[in-house]
Amino acid sequence: MRAAVMTGTGAPRCAEVPEPTPGRPGEELVEVLAVGIHHVTRGHATGLHYSTEGPPPVAGVDGVGRTADGTLKYFVQGPGMPGTLAARTVVDTRRSVTLAADADPVAVAGTMNPAMASWLALRCRVPFTAGQDVLVLGATGASGTAAVQVARHLGARTVVAVGRDRERLAALPALGATRTVPLEEATRPGQVPEVDVVLDLLWGAPATDVLAALLRSAAQRERGLRWVHLGSMAGETAPVPGALLRAARVELVGSGFGSVSAADIVRELPGLADHVTRGTIRLETETVPLEDVAEAWSRAARSRTRVVVTP
């Protein structure tokens, strides 16, 4: 069968591989319908993502497929499971969720992974409650755009979107942002309002600068702040001055595979999938055939839409 096989160049190529076969209880073969090329997908495939031990033979960490009885499912692969960028793959039914028969496989494959970061953060990592105020740092990327929608649909009173791309910032009020702030302005005291939670997709120097700007407000220091690190698009390290941690009630936590258990992830999949299939959380997508995966792989890193492969 055809699959996206990893090569020494860091990008996969479409090639023939042996058919996968279920080998353990709870596993089943699915026909793959759609797979998103997300940041996590690329990181796993190259062995650079923190949750993987090395490049797999076939790329792909999640997807949408159809079982032998016609059931439509979204699935996330666990350790040792085959890649999903293939005509067929084997999935663990315990790490999958059944979708509505009329769900759009491309929309689900393009949105679930980027939206999962913020969904798990607010549902599992901090005691978020409806009526709180949220700031999304890195809101103009795919995961950040999804985070704006997730926060709003989980009941945030206000959602402040911070990002570099002013054109993309301008589109976020239609998706739930109540205020938008360009990144360079958000690093200056007084430019962003007080919030309860920050969902940080950037980390690096921007995280340090925005955190400092927020905590220079006496009211923010007394109110307290929960800062959730979700991604490192601006750098893997952020030099946080100790004085900031001593002078304010601030909590820094991370959210991702490991800090959120596999059981919690599986438990949260149906709720998120329901929002995605109904279109209340959505990202723009473009589709490419599996034969063009090599070209799509590099384009996905800079595309404004989610690239979804349809095997």
Foldseek 3Di string as FASTA:
>chain_A
DWAFFDDPVLFTAIDDDDDDDDDDPQKFKWFFFKAFLDPVQSCQQQVNDPVHNGHDGGTAFWFWTAGPVGWIKTFGADPPFDHRRGRMGMGRNLRMDTDDSPFDRHFCNLQVVLLLLLLCCPVPPDVDAAAFEEEEAALQARSNLLNQLNCVVRHYPAYEYEEADPVSQVPNVVLHHPYYDYLVQLLAAPSDDAGAEYEYAAAAASVQSNLVNNLVDPVNQAVEHEYEYRHHNNHDHHDHDPVSVVRGRYHYYYDDDPSQDSNNSSVCVVVVSVCSRVPSRGFAEDEDESNCRRVVNVVCVPDSGTYMYGD
